[in-house]
Amino acid sequence: MDKGSSIYIAGHRGLVGSAIAGRLRALGFANIITRTHKELDLLEQSAVSRFFETEKPEYVFLAAAKVGGIHANDSYPAEFIRDNLLIQTNVIDAAWRSGVRKLCFLGSSCIYPKLAPQPMKEEHLLTGPLEPTNEWYAVAKIAGIKMCQAYRRQYGFSAISLMPTNLYGPGDNFDLSNSHVLPALLRKFHEAKENGAHEVVVWGTGRPRREFLHVDDMADASVHLMQNYDEELIVNVGVGQDVTIAELAEHVRRAVGFEGRVVFDTSMPDGTPRKLLDVTRLTATGWQAKIPLDEGIRQTYSWYLENVAIVSEGSPADVLLAYKKALHESGREIS
């Protein structure tokens, strides 16, 4: 890409897409194409085809997806597999047909087997059964990887696939019923502190280990790899270190300033025992994560505090306005 390249970001209002847009603008890329869901429904093949035929972007970051935590994945399996398959199929095919020079597909570390060797290497893909609580999302993302590889092999389409670990950061989803573990814990601990509670209940045993990457690091890695990587092999994007859920809860407790105790509800599912990515292939390209976990959690909590009343109680329009205001103030403005 050069500074004048036309770049389409699918999912520019999401956690990762907005960070990628902000990173590109910070680097001087000005010709960024975006569409809201109202303007372009990525589930509609004909609409997506028309968009690509009209706009003809040179580069595409495919960050649009239906995402959520264990509860959301387990509760809405049909939506998770259907919507993600449709989004990525429509975008990848239309991108190739319209002459896009390069596409970056964002997957997820949940593509790996539940009991994959740790840390998980890219070659562990499809070597064992998936974690049942998110297999619908994982199957869709695996299909996206294989579609990128198939289009590269048959049509010579330059498409790369990145597998990020657990992401977090400003603008995250803090809904307790369908968010990921880190933002859910931030909200739980904050509300417990505000209500004067003596304890916070965390799902599971606290023993599973997870790796967490700040979304601004993910955006930086995405742009770096779009510029410096062009192979069929997928690339893990993470920090190469993990913590237990119990340790994560302690990180969050300190950041929030909650002084009560943490209780683990062992009747709730743990999910995959461990999800640590091997980032050897990534570091070989000259990139590594820069934002420490404690610093990232404090930054995310500061964002939450500035927007907590609207996030918790406001209308969807209010939430979006607050989100855009916060992104603008942090240099990650969206259209």
Protein backbone atom coordinates (compact mmCIF):
# COMPACT_ATOMS: atom_id res chain seq x y z
CA MET A 1 0.00 0.00 0.00
CA ASP A 2 1.05 3.58 -0.56
CA LYS A 3 -0.47 6.66 1.07
CA GLY A 4 -2.84 7.21 -1.85
CA SER A 5 -4.14 3.63 -2.03
CA SER A 6 -7.89 3.12 -1.67
CA ILE A 7 -8.46 0.89 1.38
CA TYR A 8 -11.79 -0.61 2.39
CA ILE A 9 -12.26 -1.59 6.03
CA ALA A 10 -15.17 -3.99 6.48
CA GLY A 11 -16.36 -3.63 10.06
CA HIS A 12 -14.91 -0.14 10.66
CA ARG A 13 -17.19 0.47 13.64
CA GLY A 14 -16.10 -2.67 15.45
CA LEU A 15 -13.33 -2.96 17.99
CA VAL A 16 -10.65 -4.08 15.52
CA GLY A 17 -11.89 -2.26 12.44
CA SER A 18 -11.96 1.13 14.18
CA ALA A 19 -8.44 0.56 15.50
CA ILE A 20 -7.18 -0.34 12.01
CA ALA A 21 -8.79 2.81 10.60
CA GLY A 22 -7.13 4.88 13.30
CA ARG A 23 -3.74 3.29 12.71
CA LEU A 24 -3.93 3.84 8.96
CA ARG A 25 -4.87 7.50 9.40
CA ALA A 26 -2.06 7.97 11.90
CA LEU A 27 0.35 6.64 9.27
CA GLY A 28 -0.95 9.06 6.65
CA PHE A 29 -3.30 6.84 4.64
CA ALA A 30 -6.14 9.16 3.67
CA ASN A 31 -8.19 7.22 1.11
CA ILE A 32 -10.08 4.96 3.50
CA ILE A 33 -13.46 3.59 2.40
CA THR A 34 -16.09 2.68 4.99
CA ARG A 35 -19.76 1.80 5.02
CA THR A 36 -22.15 1.46 7.95
CA HIS A 37 -24.38 -1.60 8.21
CA LYS A 38 -27.31 0.58 7.11
CA GLU A 39 -25.39 1.67 4.03
CA LEU A 40 -24.09 -1.82 3.15
CA ASP A 41 -25.40 -5.09 4.54
CA LEU A 42 -22.53 -7.55 4.15
CA LEU A 43 -25.00 -10.44 4.44
CA GLU A 44 -26.48 -9.44 1.06
CA GLN A 45 -24.38 -10.80 -1.80
CA SER A 46 -25.79 -8.51 -4.48
CA ALA A 47 -25.25 -5.40 -2.38
CA VAL A 48 -21.67 -6.37 -1.64
CA SER A 49 -20.99 -7.06 -5.32
CA ARG A 50 -22.40 -3.68 -6.34
CA PHE A 51 -20.29 -1.92 -3.73
CA PHE A 52 -17.04 -3.49 -4.96
CA GLU A 53 -17.91 -2.90 -8.61
CA THR A 54 -18.56 0.78 -7.88
CA GLU A 55 -15.82 1.62 -5.37
CA LYS A 56 -13.09 -0.76 -6.62
CA PRO A 57 -10.89 -0.59 -3.50
CA GLU A 58 -7.29 -1.67 -3.95
CA TYR A 59 -6.88 -3.19 -0.48
CA VAL A 60 -9.34 -4.74 1.98
CA PHE A 61 -9.20 -5.38 5.71
CA LEU A 62 -11.97 -7.89 6.48
CA ALA A 63 -12.65 -7.17 10.16
CA ALA A 64 -16.44 -7.52 10.02
CA ALA A 65 -17.83 -10.50 11.96
CA LYS A 66 -20.45 -11.59 14.42
CA VAL A 67 -18.53 -12.04 17.67
CA GLY A 68 -19.19 -12.77 21.34
CA GLY A 69 -18.08 -14.75 24.37
CA ILE A 70 -18.87 -18.30 25.52
CA HIS A 71 -22.49 -17.53 26.41
CA ALA A 72 -23.27 -15.80 23.11
CA ASN A 73 -21.61 -18.51 21.03
CA ASP A 74 -23.39 -21.26 22.89
CA SER A 75 -26.79 -19.50 22.79
CA TYR A 76 -26.86 -18.46 19.12
CA PRO A 77 -25.00 -21.15 17.15
CA ALA A 78 -27.04 -20.73 13.96
CA GLU A 79 -26.43 -16.98 13.80
CA PHE A 80 -22.72 -17.34 14.51
CA ILE A 81 -22.09 -19.83 11.73
CA ARG A 82 -24.56 -18.37 9.20
CA ASP A 83 -23.69 -14.68 9.52
CA ASN A 84 -19.94 -15.18 9.55
CA LEU A 85 -20.01 -17.53 6.56
CA LEU A 86 -22.10 -15.05 4.58
CA ILE A 87 -20.02 -11.99 5.46
CA GLN A 88 -16.66 -13.48 4.59
CA THR A 89 -17.86 -15.35 1.49
CA ASN A 90 -19.50 -12.25 0.04
CA VAL A 91 -16.53 -9.97 0.73
CA ILE A 92 -13.73 -12.32 -0.34
CA ASP A 93 -15.44 -13.30 -3.59
CA ALA A 94 -16.43 -9.75 -4.51
CA ALA A 95 -12.95 -8.49 -3.68
CA TRP A 96 -11.36 -10.98 -6.05
CA ARG A 97 -13.91 -10.34 -8.81
CA SER A 98 -13.42 -6.56 -8.63
CA GLY A 99 -9.62 -6.75 -8.85
CA VAL A 100 -8.62 -5.99 -5.26
CA ARG A 101 -4.83 -6.14 -5.03
CA LYS A 102 -4.68 -7.65 -1.53
CA LEU A 103 -7.06 -8.72 1.24
CA CYS A 104 -6.38 -9.27 4.93
CA PHE A 105 -8.80 -11.70 6.60
CA LEU A 106 -9.05 -11.64 10.39
CA GLY A 107 -9.80 -14.99 12.01
CA SER A 108 -9.53 -16.06 15.63
CA SER A 109 -7.43 -18.29 17.87
CA CYS A 110 -10.57 -20.38 18.51
CA ILE A 111 -9.91 -22.11 15.17
CA TYR A 112 -7.44 -24.41 16.93
CA PRO A 113 -8.38 -27.74 18.55
CA LYS A 114 -9.58 -27.61 22.16
CA LEU A 115 -6.62 -29.72 23.28
CA ALA A 116 -4.02 -28.41 20.84
CA PRO A 117 -0.39 -28.49 22.03
CA GLN A 118 0.67 -25.29 23.74
CA PRO A 119 1.70 -22.81 22.53
CA MET A 120 -0.47 -23.30 19.46
CA LYS A 121 1.35 -23.23 16.14
CA GLU A 122 -0.27 -22.43 12.82
CA GLU A 123 0.17 -26.03 11.67
CA HIS A 124 -2.07 -27.25 14.52
CA LEU A 125 -5.12 -26.14 12.52
CA LEU A 126 -7.54 -29.04 11.84
CA THR A 127 -5.60 -31.56 13.93
CA GLY A 128 -8.30 -32.26 16.52
CA PRO A 129 -11.85 -31.50 17.79
CA LEU A 130 -12.83 -27.90 18.47
CA GLU A 131 -14.04 -26.41 21.75
CA PRO A 132 -17.83 -27.18 21.69
CA THR A 133 -18.93 -23.84 23.14
CA ASN A 134 -17.60 -21.84 20.16
CA GLU A 135 -17.28 -24.39 17.38
CA TRP A 136 -19.88 -22.62 15.21
CA TYR A 137 -17.81 -19.43 15.07
CA ALA A 138 -14.61 -21.44 14.71
CA VAL A 139 -15.94 -23.49 11.77
CA ALA A 140 -16.96 -20.29 9.98
CA LYS A 141 -13.52 -18.74 10.51
CA ILE A 142 -11.78 -21.91 9.31
CA ALA A 143 -13.91 -21.74 6.17
CA GLY A 144 -12.73 -18.15 5.68
CA ILE A 145 -9.10 -19.24 5.95
CA LYS A 146 -9.61 -22.02 3.45
CA MET A 147 -11.46 -19.71 1.08
CA CYS A 148 -8.53 -17.28 1.11
CA GLN A 149 -6.12 -20.15 0.44
CA ALA A 150 -8.31 -21.60 -2.32
CA TYR A 151 -8.64 -18.25 -4.10
CA ARG A 152 -4.89 -17.78 -3.88
CA ARG A 153 -4.22 -21.25 -5.32
CA GLN A 154 -6.79 -21.16 -8.12
CA TYR A 155 -6.95 -17.47 -9.00
CA GLY A 156 -3.67 -16.08 -7.68
CA PHE A 157 -5.61 -13.78 -5.33
CA SER A 158 -3.33 -12.15 -2.75
CA ALA A 159 -5.20 -12.90 0.48
CA ILE A 160 -3.59 -13.32 3.90
CA SER A 161 -5.20 -14.66 7.09
CA LEU A 162 -4.34 -13.44 10.57
CA MET A 163 -5.34 -15.31 13.74
CA PRO A 164 -5.53 -12.88 16.67
CA THR A 165 -5.61 -13.99 20.26
CA ASN A 166 -8.16 -12.52 22.73
CA LEU A 167 -8.48 -8.81 22.01
CA TYR A 168 -9.53 -5.97 24.28
CA GLY A 169 -9.35 -2.19 24.50
CA PRO A 170 -11.28 1.10 24.34
CA GLY A 171 -14.63 0.72 22.61
CA ASP A 172 -15.01 -2.93 23.64
CA ASN A 173 -18.37 -4.61 24.25
CA PHE A 174 -19.16 -4.52 27.98
CA ASP A 175 -22.53 -6.31 27.85
CA LEU A 176 -22.43 -8.94 30.59
CA SER A 177 -24.46 -11.47 28.59
CA ASN A 178 -22.42 -11.55 25.38
CA SER A 179 -19.06 -9.87 25.91
CA HIS A 180 -15.64 -11.50 26.21
CA VAL A 181 -14.09 -12.23 29.57
CA LEU A 182 -11.90 -9.15 30.07
CA PRO A 183 -14.50 -6.42 29.41
CA ALA A 184 -17.09 -8.46 31.31
CA LEU A 185 -14.80 -8.61 34.34
CA LEU A 186 -14.12 -4.87 34.14
CA ARG A 187 -17.81 -4.13 34.27
CA LYS A 188 -18.49 -6.69 37.01
CA PHE A 189 -15.77 -5.33 39.26
CA HIS A 190 -16.76 -1.73 38.59
CA GLU A 191 -20.42 -2.33 39.40
CA ALA A 192 -19.48 -4.30 42.52
CA LYS A 193 -17.32 -1.40 43.68
CA GLU A 194 -20.05 1.15 42.96
CA ASN A 195 -22.68 -0.94 44.77
CA GLY A 196 -20.50 -1.66 47.79
CA ALA A 197 -20.57 -5.42 47.17
CA HIS A 198 -18.28 -7.70 49.14
CA GLU A 199 -17.56 -10.17 46.35
CA VAL A 200 -17.49 -10.66 42.60
CA VAL A 201 -18.47 -13.99 41.05
CA VAL A 202 -16.36 -15.16 38.10
CA TRP A 203 -17.48 -18.00 35.83
CA GLY A 204 -15.56 -21.28 35.95
CA THR A 205 -12.68 -22.46 38.06
CA GLY A 206 -10.27 -19.66 37.25
CA ARG A 207 -7.67 -22.15 36.05
CA PRO A 208 -7.94 -21.79 32.25
CA ARG A 209 -5.16 -19.73 30.74
CA ARG A 210 -5.72 -16.96 28.21
CA GLU A 211 -3.59 -14.56 26.21
CA PHE A 212 -4.70 -10.94 25.77
CA LEU A 213 -3.64 -8.47 23.06
CA HIS A 214 -4.55 -4.79 23.09
CA VAL A 215 -6.57 -3.85 20.01
CA ASP A 216 -4.16 -1.05 19.09
CA ASP A 217 -1.37 -3.63 18.92
CA MET A 218 -3.62 -5.79 16.74
CA ALA A 219 -4.24 -2.87 14.39
CA ASP A 220 -0.53 -2.15 14.16
CA ALA A 221 0.21 -5.82 13.40
CA SER A 222 -2.53 -5.94 10.74
CA VAL A 223 -1.10 -2.97 8.85
CA HIS A 224 2.44 -4.30 9.26
CA LEU A 225 1.50 -7.70 7.83
CA MET A 226 -0.51 -6.21 5.00
CA GLN A 227 2.70 -4.39 4.04
CA ASN A 228 5.22 -7.13 4.75
CA TYR A 229 3.60 -10.58 4.41
CA ASP A 230 2.10 -12.31 1.39
CA GLU A 231 1.85 -16.07 1.84
CA GLU A 232 -0.86 -18.71 2.03
CA LEU A 233 0.13 -19.79 5.55
CA ILE A 234 -1.90 -18.22 8.34
CA VAL A 235 -0.17 -16.01 10.92
CA ASN A 236 -0.85 -16.01 14.66
CA VAL A 237 -1.05 -12.54 16.19
CA GLY A 238 -0.51 -12.39 19.94
CA VAL A 239 1.93 -11.52 22.70
CA GLY A 240 3.31 -15.01 23.35
CA GLN A 241 2.41 -14.91 27.06
CA ASP A 242 -0.74 -15.87 28.96
CA VAL A 243 -2.36 -15.62 32.40
CA THR A 244 -4.94 -17.69 34.26
CA ILE A 245 -8.46 -16.31 34.51
CA ALA A 246 -7.84 -15.99 38.25
CA GLU A 247 -4.74 -13.89 37.55
CA LEU A 248 -6.69 -11.81 35.04
CA ALA A 249 -9.37 -11.19 37.65
CA GLU A 250 -6.68 -9.93 40.02
CA HIS A 251 -5.31 -7.58 37.33
CA VAL A 252 -8.81 -6.19 36.80
CA ARG A 253 -9.55 -5.98 40.54
CA ARG A 254 -6.45 -3.84 41.05
CA ALA A 255 -7.21 -1.59 38.08
CA VAL A 256 -10.75 -0.97 39.28
CA GLY A 257 -9.82 -0.64 42.95
CA PHE A 258 -12.31 -3.24 44.20
CA GLU A 259 -11.44 -4.41 47.70
CA GLY A 260 -13.80 -7.36 48.09
CA ARG A 261 -13.14 -11.02 47.37
CA VAL A 262 -13.31 -13.01 44.15
CA VAL A 263 -15.50 -16.15 44.06
CA PHE A 264 -15.38 -18.71 41.25
CA ASP A 265 -18.62 -20.37 40.13
CA THR A 266 -17.40 -23.83 39.20
CA SER A 267 -20.84 -24.81 37.87
CA MET A 268 -20.21 -22.60 34.83
CA PRO A 269 -18.09 -23.74 31.84
CA ASP A 270 -14.37 -23.04 31.62
CA GLY A 271 -14.05 -23.36 27.86
CA THR A 272 -10.72 -24.38 26.36
CA PRO A 273 -8.12 -25.14 29.09
CA ARG A 274 -5.44 -23.01 27.47
CA LYS A 275 -5.12 -20.79 24.40
CA LEU A 276 -1.58 -19.51 23.96
CA LEU A 277 -0.36 -18.68 20.49
CA ASP A 278 3.07 -19.43 19.14
CA VAL A 279 4.08 -16.11 17.55
CA THR A 280 7.36 -17.22 15.99
CA ARG A 281 6.12 -16.60 12.44
CA LEU A 282 4.88 -13.14 13.43
CA THR A 283 8.08 -12.04 15.16
CA ALA A 284 10.09 -13.26 12.16
CA THR A 285 8.42 -10.46 10.15
CA GLY A 286 9.86 -7.91 12.58
CA TRP A 287 6.79 -7.20 14.72
CA GLN A 288 5.99 -7.73 18.41
CA ALA A 289 3.36 -6.43 20.85
CA LYS A 290 4.13 -3.23 22.75
CA ILE A 291 1.30 -2.61 25.25
CA PRO A 292 1.66 -4.46 28.63
CA LEU A 293 -1.49 -6.08 30.04
CA ASP A 294 -1.73 -3.90 33.16
CA GLU A 295 -1.33 -0.72 31.12
CA GLY A 296 -3.90 -1.89 28.58
CA ILE A 297 -6.43 -2.79 31.27
CA ARG A 298 -6.00 0.61 32.96
CA GLN A 299 -6.48 2.35 29.61
CA THR A 300 -9.58 0.31 28.84
CA TYR A 301 -11.04 0.97 32.28
CA SER A 302 -10.44 4.72 31.88
CA TRP A 303 -12.43 4.59 28.64
CA TYR A 304 -15.18 2.65 30.38
CA LEU A 305 -15.34 5.18 33.22
CA GLU A 306 -15.70 8.05 30.76
CA ASN A 307 -18.59 6.29 29.02
CA VAL A 308 -20.04 4.02 31.71
CA ALA A 309 -23.37 5.81 32.18
CA ILE A 310 -24.12 5.80 28.45
CA VAL A 311 -22.81 2.24 27.91
CA SER A 312 -24.93 0.96 30.80
CA GLU A 313 -28.10 3.00 30.38
CA GLY A 314 -28.14 4.88 27.09
CA SER A 315 -29.95 4.20 23.85
CA PRO A 316 -28.06 2.59 20.94
CA ALA A 317 -27.74 6.05 19.34
CA ASP A 318 -26.24 7.47 22.53
CA VAL A 319 -23.80 4.58 22.77
CA LEU A 320 -22.64 5.13 19.19
CA LEU A 321 -22.17 8.87 19.74
CA ALA A 322 -20.12 8.21 22.87
CA TYR A 323 -18.11 5.57 21.05
CA LYS A 324 -17.28 7.90 18.16
CA LYS A 325 -16.41 10.73 20.56
CA ALA A 326 -14.03 8.49 22.52
CA LEU A 327 -12.37 7.18 19.37
CA HIS A 328 -11.93 10.71 18.05
CA GLU A 329 -10.31 11.84 21.29
CA SER A 330 -7.92 8.89 21.19
CA GLY A 331 -6.97 9.50 17.55
CA ARG A 332 -9.00 6.54 16.23
CA GLU A 333 -11.80 8.46 14.55
CA ILE A 334 -14.35 6.63 12.42
CA SER A 335 -16.61 7.93 9.67
